[in-house]
N, C-alpha and C. Protein backbone atom coordinates (compact mmCIF):
# COMPACT_ATOMS: atom_id res chain seq x y z
N MET A 1 15.00 68.15 123.18
CA MET A 1 15.66 67.78 124.44
C MET A 1 17.12 68.32 124.29
N LEU A 2 17.54 69.01 125.37
CA LEU A 2 18.85 69.61 125.38
C LEU A 2 19.90 68.59 125.55
N PRO A 3 21.03 68.69 124.94
CA PRO A 3 22.11 67.71 125.18
C PRO A 3 22.66 67.80 126.54
N ALA A 4 23.05 66.71 127.05
CA ALA A 4 23.62 66.66 128.42
C ALA A 4 24.98 67.41 128.50
N SER A 5 25.15 68.17 129.57
CA SER A 5 26.44 68.88 129.68
C SER A 5 27.54 67.85 129.88
N PRO A 6 28.74 68.10 129.28
CA PRO A 6 29.78 67.17 129.45
C PRO A 6 30.33 67.16 130.84
N ALA A 7 30.64 66.05 131.36
CA ALA A 7 31.16 65.88 132.73
C ALA A 7 32.54 66.61 132.78
N PRO A 8 32.81 67.28 133.95
CA PRO A 8 34.11 67.89 134.05
C PRO A 8 35.25 66.88 134.16
N SER A 9 36.30 67.22 133.52
CA SER A 9 37.43 66.30 133.52
C SER A 9 38.05 66.22 134.96
N PRO A 10 38.74 65.16 135.24
CA PRO A 10 39.40 65.07 136.53
C PRO A 10 40.34 66.18 136.77
N VAL A 11 41.04 66.63 135.68
CA VAL A 11 41.99 67.74 135.93
C VAL A 11 41.31 69.03 136.32
N THR A 12 40.10 69.29 135.63
CA THR A 12 39.32 70.47 135.99
C THR A 12 38.85 70.44 137.41
N GLY A 13 38.43 69.25 137.87
CA GLY A 13 37.96 69.12 139.20
C GLY A 13 39.04 69.42 140.22
N VAL A 14 40.26 68.87 139.97
CA VAL A 14 41.36 69.09 140.85
C VAL A 14 41.70 70.53 140.92
N ARG A 15 41.66 71.21 139.71
CA ARG A 15 42.06 72.61 139.63
C ARG A 15 41.06 73.44 140.51
N ARG A 16 39.74 73.12 140.39
CA ARG A 16 38.75 73.83 141.16
C ARG A 16 38.94 73.61 142.65
N THR A 17 39.25 72.43 143.02
CA THR A 17 39.47 72.07 144.45
C THR A 17 40.63 72.95 144.99
N VAL A 18 41.75 72.92 144.21
CA VAL A 18 42.91 73.62 144.62
C VAL A 18 42.66 75.13 144.75
N LEU A 19 42.03 75.63 143.68
CA LEU A 19 41.71 77.13 143.69
C LEU A 19 40.81 77.50 144.86
N GLY A 20 39.82 76.61 145.05
CA GLY A 20 38.86 76.84 146.16
C GLY A 20 39.61 76.84 147.51
N SER A 21 40.47 75.93 147.70
CA SER A 21 41.26 75.86 148.96
C SER A 21 42.12 77.08 149.18
N LEU A 22 42.74 77.48 148.02
CA LEU A 22 43.60 78.73 148.09
C LEU A 22 42.76 79.94 148.47
N ALA A 23 41.56 79.97 147.91
CA ALA A 23 40.69 81.16 148.13
C ALA A 23 40.27 81.22 149.64
N VAL A 24 39.94 80.00 150.19
CA VAL A 24 39.58 79.97 151.61
C VAL A 24 40.72 80.35 152.46
N PHE A 25 41.95 79.87 152.11
CA PHE A 25 43.11 80.18 152.90
C PHE A 25 43.48 81.62 152.86
N ALA A 26 43.32 82.18 151.64
CA ALA A 26 43.64 83.68 151.51
C ALA A 26 42.63 84.52 152.33
N ALA A 27 41.43 84.09 152.27
CA ALA A 27 40.36 84.85 153.03
C ALA A 27 40.66 84.76 154.55
N ALA A 28 41.04 83.58 154.98
CA ALA A 28 41.35 83.39 156.41
C ALA A 28 42.54 84.30 156.78
N VAL A 29 43.57 84.40 155.94
CA VAL A 29 44.73 85.20 156.25
C VAL A 29 44.33 86.66 156.28
N LEU A 30 43.50 87.09 155.29
CA LEU A 30 43.13 88.48 155.29
C LEU A 30 42.32 88.82 156.53
N ILE A 31 41.40 87.99 156.91
CA ILE A 31 40.61 88.24 158.10
C ILE A 31 41.47 88.33 159.33
N ALA A 32 42.49 87.41 159.43
CA ALA A 32 43.34 87.45 160.56
C ALA A 32 44.19 88.74 160.63
N VAL A 33 44.73 89.06 159.48
CA VAL A 33 45.67 90.17 159.37
C VAL A 33 44.88 91.46 159.55
N LEU A 34 43.76 91.68 158.85
CA LEU A 34 43.08 92.92 158.90
C LEU A 34 42.35 93.06 160.26
N GLY A 35 41.88 91.92 160.79
CA GLY A 35 41.24 91.93 162.06
C GLY A 35 42.19 92.42 163.13
N TRP A 36 43.45 92.10 163.03
CA TRP A 36 44.41 92.49 163.96
C TRP A 36 44.91 93.89 163.71
N ALA A 37 45.12 94.24 162.47
CA ALA A 37 45.74 95.48 162.12
C ALA A 37 44.77 96.71 161.89
N ALA A 38 43.51 96.37 161.78
CA ALA A 38 42.59 97.53 161.44
C ALA A 38 42.61 98.64 162.36
N PRO A 39 42.74 98.52 163.72
CA PRO A 39 42.82 99.68 164.56
C PRO A 39 44.02 100.49 164.27
N ALA A 40 45.18 99.87 164.01
CA ALA A 40 46.41 100.56 163.72
C ALA A 40 46.27 101.36 162.45
N LEU A 41 45.57 100.78 161.46
CA LEU A 41 45.38 101.48 160.19
C LEU A 41 44.45 102.69 160.35
N ALA A 42 43.53 102.53 161.35
CA ALA A 42 42.53 103.59 161.52
C ALA A 42 43.23 104.86 162.07
N HIS A 43 43.91 104.75 163.17
CA HIS A 43 44.57 105.88 163.72
C HIS A 43 45.41 105.42 164.91
N HIS A 44 46.38 106.28 165.23
CA HIS A 44 47.24 106.01 166.39
C HIS A 44 46.59 106.79 167.57
N ILE A 45 46.66 106.21 168.72
CA ILE A 45 46.25 106.90 169.90
C ILE A 45 47.43 107.17 170.78
N LEU A 46 47.78 108.45 170.92
CA LEU A 46 48.90 108.80 171.68
C LEU A 46 48.43 109.55 172.96
N PRO A 47 49.23 109.57 173.96
CA PRO A 47 48.86 110.34 175.22
C PRO A 47 48.66 111.83 174.88
N PRO A 48 47.91 112.55 175.68
CA PRO A 48 47.66 113.94 175.41
C PRO A 48 48.84 114.80 175.73
N GLY A 49 48.85 115.99 175.14
CA GLY A 49 49.82 117.04 175.51
C GLY A 49 51.13 117.00 174.81
N ILE A 50 51.34 116.12 173.81
CA ILE A 50 52.64 116.15 173.05
C ILE A 50 52.61 117.45 172.24
N PRO A 51 53.69 118.27 172.45
CA PRO A 51 53.69 119.57 171.79
C PRO A 51 54.11 119.49 170.31
N SER A 52 53.93 120.55 169.63
CA SER A 52 54.43 120.63 168.22
C SER A 52 55.98 120.71 168.33
N THR A 53 56.59 120.49 167.19
CA THR A 53 58.06 120.49 167.16
C THR A 53 58.63 121.86 167.62
N SER A 54 58.00 122.89 167.19
CA SER A 54 58.49 124.23 167.49
C SER A 54 58.35 124.53 168.98
N VAL A 55 57.26 124.12 169.55
CA VAL A 55 57.01 124.35 171.01
C VAL A 55 57.98 123.43 171.80
N ALA A 56 58.17 122.21 171.37
CA ALA A 56 59.15 121.38 172.03
C ALA A 56 60.50 121.95 172.00
N GLN A 57 60.86 122.51 170.89
CA GLN A 57 62.20 123.09 170.79
C GLN A 57 62.32 124.26 171.78
N THR A 58 61.32 125.09 171.88
CA THR A 58 61.37 126.24 172.80
C THR A 58 61.41 125.66 174.28
N GLN A 59 60.70 124.65 174.54
CA GLN A 59 60.74 124.06 175.92
C GLN A 59 62.08 123.46 176.18
N LEU A 60 62.72 122.79 175.22
CA LEU A 60 64.04 122.19 175.35
C LEU A 60 65.01 123.25 175.64
N ASN A 61 64.98 124.37 174.93
CA ASN A 61 65.92 125.43 175.12
C ASN A 61 65.83 126.01 176.52
N GLY A 62 64.64 125.99 177.13
CA GLY A 62 64.49 126.54 178.44
C GLY A 62 64.80 125.64 179.60
N LEU A 63 65.09 124.39 179.37
CA LEU A 63 65.38 123.42 180.43
C LEU A 63 66.77 123.73 181.10
N THR A 64 66.80 123.58 182.41
CA THR A 64 68.09 123.77 183.10
C THR A 64 68.98 122.51 182.83
N VAL A 65 70.20 122.86 182.46
CA VAL A 65 71.17 121.79 182.11
C VAL A 65 72.15 121.69 183.31
N ARG A 66 72.18 120.47 183.85
CA ARG A 66 73.07 120.17 184.97
C ARG A 66 73.22 118.67 185.13
N ALA A 67 74.23 118.28 185.85
CA ALA A 67 74.43 116.80 186.01
C ALA A 67 73.34 116.31 186.99
N LYS A 68 73.03 115.01 186.84
CA LYS A 68 72.03 114.41 187.73
C LYS A 68 72.63 114.20 189.15
N ASN A 69 71.83 114.25 190.16
CA ASN A 69 72.35 113.91 191.52
C ASN A 69 72.57 112.41 191.52
N ASN A 70 73.21 111.97 192.61
CA ASN A 70 73.56 110.56 192.67
C ASN A 70 72.45 109.60 193.06
N GLY A 71 71.23 110.15 193.24
CA GLY A 71 70.12 109.30 193.50
C GLY A 71 69.96 108.86 194.92
N SER A 72 70.77 109.40 195.85
CA SER A 72 70.73 109.05 197.25
C SER A 72 69.32 109.23 197.81
N GLY A 73 68.83 108.25 198.57
CA GLY A 73 67.52 108.39 199.22
C GLY A 73 66.33 107.96 198.40
N TYR A 74 66.59 107.64 197.15
CA TYR A 74 65.44 107.23 196.26
C TYR A 74 64.81 106.01 196.69
N ASP A 75 63.49 106.00 196.64
CA ASP A 75 62.68 104.77 196.83
C ASP A 75 61.40 104.93 196.01
N ARG A 76 61.02 103.96 195.28
CA ARG A 76 59.85 104.07 194.41
C ARG A 76 58.61 104.40 195.14
N SER A 77 58.51 103.99 196.41
CA SER A 77 57.33 104.27 197.21
C SER A 77 57.21 105.75 197.53
N LEU A 78 58.27 106.54 197.35
CA LEU A 78 58.17 107.96 197.54
C LEU A 78 57.35 108.66 196.48
N PHE A 79 56.98 107.89 195.41
CA PHE A 79 56.09 108.37 194.32
C PHE A 79 54.82 107.53 194.37
N PRO A 80 53.87 107.80 195.20
CA PRO A 80 52.65 106.91 195.25
C PRO A 80 52.03 106.91 193.88
N HIS A 81 51.91 105.74 193.31
CA HIS A 81 51.39 105.58 191.95
C HIS A 81 50.24 104.57 191.86
N TRP A 82 49.59 104.69 190.72
CA TRP A 82 48.34 103.96 190.44
C TRP A 82 47.25 104.26 191.51
N VAL A 83 47.13 105.50 191.78
CA VAL A 83 46.04 105.94 192.68
C VAL A 83 44.86 106.24 191.86
N VAL A 84 43.73 106.35 192.42
CA VAL A 84 42.47 106.67 191.75
C VAL A 84 42.49 108.10 191.17
N VAL A 85 42.27 108.18 189.90
CA VAL A 85 42.26 109.54 189.26
C VAL A 85 40.95 109.92 188.75
N SER A 86 40.08 108.99 188.49
CA SER A 86 38.74 109.25 188.05
C SER A 86 37.89 108.06 188.51
N SER A 87 37.27 108.14 189.63
CA SER A 87 36.59 107.03 190.28
C SER A 87 35.69 106.30 189.34
N PRO A 88 35.81 104.94 189.30
CA PRO A 88 36.67 104.09 190.10
C PRO A 88 38.05 103.75 189.51
N CYS A 89 38.43 104.51 188.47
CA CYS A 89 39.62 104.12 187.70
C CYS A 89 40.91 104.66 188.35
N ASP A 90 41.91 103.79 188.58
CA ASP A 90 43.19 104.30 188.98
C ASP A 90 43.96 104.74 187.70
N ALA A 91 45.10 105.25 187.90
CA ALA A 91 45.92 105.79 186.76
C ALA A 91 46.15 104.81 185.65
N ARG A 92 46.52 103.57 186.04
CA ARG A 92 46.78 102.53 185.07
C ARG A 92 45.50 102.20 184.31
N GLN A 93 44.42 101.99 184.96
CA GLN A 93 43.17 101.67 184.27
C GLN A 93 42.71 102.79 183.42
N PHE A 94 42.92 104.01 183.91
CA PHE A 94 42.49 105.21 183.13
C PHE A 94 43.22 105.23 181.78
N VAL A 95 44.55 105.00 181.80
CA VAL A 95 45.34 105.04 180.58
C VAL A 95 44.96 103.90 179.60
N LEU A 96 44.73 102.73 180.17
CA LEU A 96 44.30 101.62 179.31
C LEU A 96 43.01 101.90 178.64
N ARG A 97 42.10 102.53 179.38
CA ARG A 97 40.76 102.94 178.76
C ARG A 97 40.93 104.08 177.79
N ARG A 98 41.81 105.04 178.13
CA ARG A 98 42.02 106.20 177.29
C ARG A 98 42.66 105.90 175.99
N ASP A 99 43.69 105.04 175.98
CA ASP A 99 44.53 104.87 174.84
C ASP A 99 44.27 103.52 174.05
N GLY A 100 43.24 102.83 174.44
CA GLY A 100 42.95 101.56 173.77
C GLY A 100 41.87 101.78 172.75
N HIS A 101 41.57 100.74 171.93
CA HIS A 101 40.58 100.73 170.93
C HIS A 101 39.41 99.85 171.40
N THR A 102 38.17 100.38 171.30
CA THR A 102 36.96 99.70 171.65
C THR A 102 37.05 98.96 173.03
N VAL A 103 37.57 99.71 173.99
CA VAL A 103 37.83 99.14 175.30
C VAL A 103 36.49 99.05 176.12
N GLN A 104 36.28 97.92 176.67
CA GLN A 104 35.11 97.70 177.61
C GLN A 104 35.70 97.39 179.02
N VAL A 105 35.07 97.95 180.08
CA VAL A 105 35.53 97.78 181.41
C VAL A 105 34.41 97.25 182.31
N ASP A 106 34.79 96.61 183.42
CA ASP A 106 33.76 96.25 184.38
C ASP A 106 33.46 97.36 185.35
N GLY A 107 32.67 96.99 186.38
CA GLY A 107 32.28 98.06 187.31
C GLY A 107 33.42 98.62 188.14
N ASN A 108 34.56 97.97 188.17
CA ASN A 108 35.77 98.37 188.81
C ASN A 108 36.82 99.02 187.93
N CYS A 109 36.41 99.26 186.70
CA CYS A 109 37.24 99.84 185.69
C CYS A 109 38.36 98.94 185.21
N ARG A 110 38.20 97.65 185.40
CA ARG A 110 39.24 96.72 184.88
C ARG A 110 38.76 96.31 183.42
N PRO A 111 39.71 96.52 182.50
CA PRO A 111 39.39 96.19 181.14
C PRO A 111 38.97 94.74 180.92
N THR A 112 37.84 94.49 180.21
CA THR A 112 37.37 93.19 179.91
C THR A 112 37.58 92.79 178.45
N SER A 113 37.75 93.81 177.58
CA SER A 113 37.99 93.57 176.23
C SER A 113 38.56 94.88 175.58
N GLY A 114 39.15 94.71 174.42
CA GLY A 114 39.72 95.88 173.70
C GLY A 114 41.00 95.51 172.96
N ARG A 115 41.62 96.48 172.33
CA ARG A 115 42.88 96.28 171.67
C ARG A 115 43.78 97.47 172.04
N TRP A 116 45.05 97.11 172.21
CA TRP A 116 46.05 98.16 172.59
C TRP A 116 47.31 98.02 171.75
N SER A 117 47.84 99.20 171.33
CA SER A 117 49.05 99.15 170.56
C SER A 117 50.26 99.77 171.37
N SER A 118 51.36 99.15 171.32
CA SER A 118 52.56 99.71 171.99
C SER A 118 53.31 100.55 171.01
N GLU A 119 53.31 101.83 171.22
CA GLU A 119 53.99 102.76 170.30
C GLU A 119 55.45 102.55 170.32
N TYR A 120 56.04 101.99 171.31
CA TYR A 120 57.44 101.82 171.39
C TYR A 120 57.96 100.74 170.43
N ASP A 121 57.18 99.66 170.23
CA ASP A 121 57.66 98.58 169.37
C ASP A 121 56.61 98.05 168.39
N GLY A 122 55.48 98.70 168.27
CA GLY A 122 54.49 98.33 167.28
C GLY A 122 53.68 97.08 167.54
N VAL A 123 53.80 96.53 168.76
CA VAL A 123 53.10 95.31 169.11
C VAL A 123 51.67 95.62 169.50
N TRP A 124 50.72 94.79 169.05
CA TRP A 124 49.31 94.85 169.45
C TRP A 124 48.93 93.75 170.33
N THR A 125 48.00 94.01 171.24
CA THR A 125 47.50 92.92 172.10
C THR A 125 46.03 93.13 172.40
N GLY A 126 45.33 92.02 172.63
CA GLY A 126 43.95 92.11 173.12
C GLY A 126 43.85 91.77 174.59
N ASN A 127 45.05 91.60 175.25
CA ASN A 127 45.10 91.25 176.64
C ASN A 127 45.79 92.39 177.41
N ALA A 128 45.07 93.18 178.13
CA ALA A 128 45.64 94.35 178.77
C ALA A 128 46.71 93.99 179.80
N SER A 129 46.62 92.80 180.37
CA SER A 129 47.57 92.36 181.35
C SER A 129 49.00 92.24 180.80
N GLU A 130 49.12 92.14 179.49
CA GLU A 130 50.44 92.00 178.83
C GLU A 130 51.16 93.35 178.73
N PHE A 131 50.46 94.48 179.00
CA PHE A 131 51.00 95.74 178.84
C PHE A 131 51.40 96.37 180.15
N ASP A 132 52.46 97.22 180.25
CA ASP A 132 52.83 97.98 181.35
C ASP A 132 52.35 99.47 181.09
N ILE A 133 52.26 100.25 182.11
CA ILE A 133 52.13 101.69 181.90
C ILE A 133 53.47 102.31 182.24
N ASP A 134 54.09 102.83 181.23
CA ASP A 134 55.47 103.43 181.40
C ASP A 134 55.40 104.90 181.76
N HIS A 135 56.20 105.29 182.70
CA HIS A 135 56.43 106.71 183.01
C HIS A 135 57.43 107.25 181.99
N MET A 136 56.93 108.09 181.15
CA MET A 136 57.82 108.62 180.12
C MET A 136 59.17 109.11 180.72
N VAL A 137 59.12 110.00 181.69
CA VAL A 137 60.28 110.30 182.50
C VAL A 137 60.24 109.42 183.70
N PRO A 138 61.11 108.43 183.78
CA PRO A 138 61.08 107.43 184.84
C PRO A 138 61.19 108.09 186.23
N LEU A 139 60.65 107.47 187.21
CA LEU A 139 60.59 108.03 188.56
C LEU A 139 62.03 108.28 189.06
N TYR A 140 62.93 107.38 188.82
CA TYR A 140 64.29 107.50 189.29
C TYR A 140 65.00 108.66 188.58
N ASP A 141 64.80 108.78 187.24
CA ASP A 141 65.35 109.90 186.55
C ASP A 141 64.80 111.23 187.08
N ALA A 142 63.48 111.27 187.31
CA ALA A 142 62.88 112.48 187.87
C ALA A 142 63.56 112.78 189.27
N TRP A 143 63.80 111.77 190.11
CA TRP A 143 64.39 112.02 191.40
C TRP A 143 65.80 112.67 191.23
N ARG A 144 66.57 112.09 190.26
CA ARG A 144 67.91 112.60 190.04
C ARG A 144 67.90 113.94 189.26
N SER A 145 66.75 114.39 188.82
CA SER A 145 66.65 115.65 188.03
C SER A 145 65.99 116.72 188.79
N GLY A 146 65.60 116.52 190.08
CA GLY A 146 65.00 117.58 190.83
C GLY A 146 63.84 117.13 191.74
N ALA A 147 63.25 115.96 191.50
CA ALA A 147 62.09 115.52 192.27
C ALA A 147 62.45 115.13 193.66
N ASN A 148 63.74 114.98 193.98
CA ASN A 148 64.19 114.63 195.33
C ASN A 148 63.81 115.79 196.33
N THR A 149 63.51 117.00 195.75
CA THR A 149 63.19 118.08 196.70
C THR A 149 61.64 118.34 196.76
N TRP A 150 60.86 117.52 196.05
CA TRP A 150 59.49 117.71 196.00
C TRP A 150 58.74 117.23 197.25
N SER A 151 57.53 117.69 197.40
CA SER A 151 56.65 117.13 198.42
C SER A 151 56.01 115.87 197.86
N THR A 152 55.51 115.02 198.82
CA THR A 152 54.88 113.78 198.42
C THR A 152 53.68 114.04 197.49
N ASP A 153 52.93 115.10 197.74
CA ASP A 153 51.79 115.43 196.86
C ASP A 153 52.20 115.69 195.46
N ARG A 154 53.36 116.37 195.27
CA ARG A 154 53.81 116.65 193.87
C ARG A 154 54.34 115.42 193.22
N ARG A 155 54.99 114.53 194.03
CA ARG A 155 55.46 113.29 193.44
C ARG A 155 54.26 112.35 193.02
N ARG A 156 53.25 112.42 193.85
CA ARG A 156 52.05 111.60 193.53
C ARG A 156 51.40 112.12 192.22
N ALA A 157 51.31 113.44 192.09
CA ALA A 157 50.77 114.07 190.91
C ALA A 157 51.57 113.67 189.65
N PHE A 158 52.90 113.70 189.82
CA PHE A 158 53.81 113.31 188.67
C PHE A 158 53.61 111.87 188.28
N ALA A 159 53.53 111.01 189.21
CA ALA A 159 53.44 109.53 188.92
C ALA A 159 52.12 109.11 188.41
N ASN A 160 51.11 109.98 188.48
CA ASN A 160 49.71 109.61 188.05
C ASN A 160 49.15 110.61 187.12
N ASP A 161 50.01 111.31 186.41
CA ASP A 161 49.56 112.41 185.60
C ASP A 161 48.98 111.93 184.22
N VAL A 162 47.63 111.92 184.18
CA VAL A 162 46.97 111.40 182.98
C VAL A 162 46.64 112.49 182.01
N SER A 163 46.97 113.76 182.31
CA SER A 163 46.63 114.84 181.43
C SER A 163 47.86 115.33 180.60
N SER A 164 49.01 114.74 180.82
CA SER A 164 50.23 115.07 180.10
C SER A 164 50.71 113.81 179.41
N PRO A 165 51.77 113.90 178.53
CA PRO A 165 52.30 112.74 177.91
C PRO A 165 53.25 111.94 178.77
N GLN A 166 52.96 111.84 180.05
CA GLN A 166 53.83 111.12 180.97
C GLN A 166 53.57 109.65 181.10
N LEU A 167 52.35 109.18 180.81
CA LEU A 167 52.01 107.77 180.97
C LEU A 167 51.64 107.14 179.60
N TRP A 168 52.31 106.07 179.28
CA TRP A 168 52.16 105.32 178.00
C TRP A 168 51.91 103.86 178.21
N ALA A 169 50.92 103.32 177.55
CA ALA A 169 50.66 101.88 177.56
C ALA A 169 51.51 101.20 176.57
N VAL A 170 52.43 100.33 177.01
CA VAL A 170 53.44 99.74 176.17
C VAL A 170 53.71 98.27 176.53
N THR A 171 54.36 97.52 175.73
CA THR A 171 54.71 96.18 176.09
C THR A 171 55.59 96.16 177.35
N ALA A 172 55.42 95.05 178.14
CA ALA A 172 56.25 94.97 179.29
C ALA A 172 57.68 94.87 178.89
N SER A 173 57.97 94.19 177.80
CA SER A 173 59.38 94.01 177.34
C SER A 173 60.07 95.34 176.99
N SER A 174 59.31 96.25 176.36
CA SER A 174 59.94 97.52 175.98
C SER A 174 60.07 98.39 177.21
N ASN A 175 59.11 98.31 178.09
CA ASN A 175 59.22 99.08 179.38
C ASN A 175 60.50 98.61 180.16
N ARG A 176 60.66 97.32 180.26
CA ARG A 176 61.80 96.81 181.03
C ARG A 176 63.12 97.10 180.36
N SER A 177 63.10 97.07 179.02
CA SER A 177 64.26 97.44 178.22
C SER A 177 64.71 98.84 178.50
N LYS A 178 63.74 99.76 178.56
CA LYS A 178 64.00 101.19 178.83
C LYS A 178 64.56 101.37 180.17
N GLY A 179 63.92 100.76 181.22
CA GLY A 179 64.38 100.99 182.63
C GLY A 179 64.29 102.46 183.01
N ASP A 180 65.35 102.96 183.57
CA ASP A 180 65.42 104.34 184.03
C ASP A 180 66.23 105.24 183.08
N ARG A 181 66.48 104.79 181.83
CA ARG A 181 67.39 105.50 180.97
C ARG A 181 66.67 106.68 180.23
N ASP A 182 67.45 107.72 180.04
CA ASP A 182 66.95 108.83 179.27
C ASP A 182 67.26 108.67 177.82
N PRO A 183 66.77 109.54 176.93
CA PRO A 183 66.92 109.40 175.50
C PRO A 183 68.32 109.29 174.95
N SER A 184 69.33 109.68 175.74
CA SER A 184 70.70 109.55 175.31
C SER A 184 71.18 108.12 175.39
N ALA A 185 70.51 107.29 176.18
CA ALA A 185 70.91 105.94 176.44
C ALA A 185 69.86 104.89 175.91
N TRP A 186 68.66 105.32 175.64
CA TRP A 186 67.64 104.37 175.16
C TRP A 186 66.61 105.14 174.36
N MET A 187 66.27 104.54 173.20
CA MET A 187 65.17 105.03 172.37
C MET A 187 64.32 103.82 172.00
N PRO A 188 63.04 104.02 171.71
CA PRO A 188 62.16 102.90 171.34
C PRO A 188 62.67 102.22 170.03
N PRO A 189 62.54 100.90 169.94
CA PRO A 189 62.92 100.27 168.70
C PRO A 189 62.17 100.68 167.47
N ARG A 190 60.97 101.18 167.70
CA ARG A 190 60.10 101.67 166.52
C ARG A 190 60.52 103.09 166.28
N THR A 191 61.27 103.27 165.19
CA THR A 191 61.77 104.62 164.87
C THR A 191 60.70 105.66 164.57
N ALA A 192 59.52 105.15 164.13
CA ALA A 192 58.49 106.14 163.68
C ALA A 192 57.98 106.97 164.88
N ILE A 193 58.24 106.46 166.14
CA ILE A 193 57.74 107.17 167.27
C ILE A 193 58.82 108.04 167.92
N HIS A 194 60.01 108.08 167.34
CA HIS A 194 61.11 108.83 168.02
C HIS A 194 60.80 110.33 168.14
N CYS A 195 60.21 110.94 167.16
CA CYS A 195 59.93 112.41 167.28
C CYS A 195 58.95 112.59 168.40
N ASP A 196 57.86 111.91 168.43
CA ASP A 196 56.87 112.14 169.50
C ASP A 196 57.46 111.78 170.86
N TYR A 197 58.30 110.74 170.86
CA TYR A 197 58.90 110.25 172.14
C TYR A 197 59.70 111.41 172.76
N VAL A 198 60.60 112.04 172.00
CA VAL A 198 61.41 113.03 172.58
C VAL A 198 60.66 114.32 172.93
N LYS A 199 59.65 114.66 172.08
CA LYS A 199 58.83 115.77 172.36
C LYS A 199 58.03 115.57 173.67
N ALA A 200 57.56 114.34 173.87
CA ALA A 200 56.85 114.05 175.11
C ALA A 200 57.80 114.16 176.35
N TRP A 201 59.00 113.61 176.17
CA TRP A 201 60.02 113.69 177.22
C TRP A 201 60.32 115.13 177.64
N VAL A 202 60.53 115.96 176.64
CA VAL A 202 60.78 117.44 176.85
C VAL A 202 59.64 118.07 177.52
N ASN A 203 58.41 117.75 177.05
CA ASN A 203 57.29 118.43 177.66
C ASN A 203 57.12 118.07 179.14
N VAL A 204 57.30 116.78 179.51
CA VAL A 204 57.16 116.38 180.89
C VAL A 204 58.27 117.12 181.73
N LYS A 205 59.48 117.11 181.27
CA LYS A 205 60.50 117.77 182.02
C LYS A 205 60.18 119.33 182.16
N HIS A 206 59.63 119.89 181.12
CA HIS A 206 59.27 121.22 181.18
C HIS A 206 58.16 121.51 182.16
N ARG A 207 57.11 120.71 182.13
CA ARG A 207 55.97 120.91 183.04
C ARG A 207 56.36 120.79 184.46
N TYR A 208 57.36 119.93 184.78
CA TYR A 208 57.68 119.68 186.18
C TYR A 208 59.06 120.37 186.53
N ASP A 209 59.53 121.18 185.64
CA ASP A 209 60.83 121.96 185.92
C ASP A 209 61.93 120.98 186.36
N LEU A 210 62.12 119.89 185.58
CA LEU A 210 63.19 118.94 185.81
C LEU A 210 64.32 119.28 184.92
N SER A 211 65.54 119.02 185.32
CA SER A 211 66.73 119.31 184.54
C SER A 211 67.04 118.24 183.58
N VAL A 212 67.95 118.58 182.69
CA VAL A 212 68.50 117.58 181.68
C VAL A 212 70.04 117.68 181.78
N THR A 213 70.70 116.63 181.41
CA THR A 213 72.18 116.69 181.30
C THR A 213 72.51 117.18 179.90
N SER A 214 73.79 117.64 179.75
CA SER A 214 74.18 118.07 178.40
C SER A 214 74.09 117.01 177.38
N THR A 215 74.44 115.78 177.82
CA THR A 215 74.38 114.59 176.89
C THR A 215 72.92 114.32 176.45
N GLU A 216 72.08 114.37 177.45
CA GLU A 216 70.62 114.13 177.24
C GLU A 216 70.06 115.21 176.28
N LYS A 217 70.40 116.46 176.54
CA LYS A 217 69.88 117.50 175.67
C LYS A 217 70.36 117.43 174.23
N SER A 218 71.64 117.09 174.09
CA SER A 218 72.18 116.95 172.74
C SER A 218 71.58 115.81 172.00
N SER A 219 71.30 114.69 172.69
CA SER A 219 70.64 113.57 172.00
C SER A 219 69.24 113.90 171.58
N ILE A 220 68.52 114.60 172.48
CA ILE A 220 67.16 115.03 172.11
C ILE A 220 67.17 115.97 170.89
N GLN A 221 68.10 116.91 170.93
CA GLN A 221 68.23 117.87 169.84
C GLN A 221 68.50 117.15 168.54
N ASN A 222 69.37 116.22 168.52
CA ASN A 222 69.72 115.43 167.31
C ASN A 222 68.48 114.75 166.78
N THR A 223 67.62 114.20 167.69
CA THR A 223 66.42 113.47 167.31
C THR A 223 65.41 114.45 166.70
N ILE A 224 65.29 115.59 167.27
CA ILE A 224 64.36 116.61 166.75
C ILE A 224 64.85 117.04 165.39
N ASN A 225 66.17 117.20 165.19
CA ASN A 225 66.68 117.64 163.90
C ASN A 225 66.57 116.58 162.81
N THR A 226 66.59 115.33 163.22
CA THR A 226 66.60 114.29 162.17
C THR A 226 65.30 113.56 162.02
N ARG A 227 64.44 113.61 163.02
CA ARG A 227 63.21 112.80 163.00
C ARG A 227 61.92 113.59 163.02
N CYS A 228 62.01 114.85 163.31
CA CYS A 228 60.81 115.71 163.40
C CYS A 228 60.63 116.62 162.19
């Protein structure tokens, strides 16, 4: 007959209970953290068309440098936006679907699930309604840089351009913080995106033959020199 195993001491029992609780807690934390961060660790999804540094430099060199006009006559409605770009998706829905992770949409292209990262401030969300679609070159800045002479069709194309780096899914707070300011007056709080941010800005201005101010150009050049 085998001898009976000694009963665990009260101290051993307490230790096991504490360690077990800590293990459960640690597992819960890991699940929460990794479940939230896994898409970010996998890859970043950026808008299309961001040029290489050398191409962006060439494009920057070719931009017309002049002061902005005073903005007279501007109205946001002069840039028809969030129009259907790929039926049934409008430009906002298209970008949310394009730049999100594991996005599911309903029959009207409204996101029903997915994850989105705001490259401006590093914030993630599972609720698409929390994000804005930012015009990289704001509509008002474009107006003051040459779009005041465009046709309505060209302004519509600019405001809904899903094939260039003009539209970004970002937090509402970062979009509102940026407002209509160019890179000489505002840059994203997340410094890791600064290089791609100014390259995207330059590319959009290049595509649409929009001007830059001398201060704007100098600020962009400094970012290319130090961040790219």
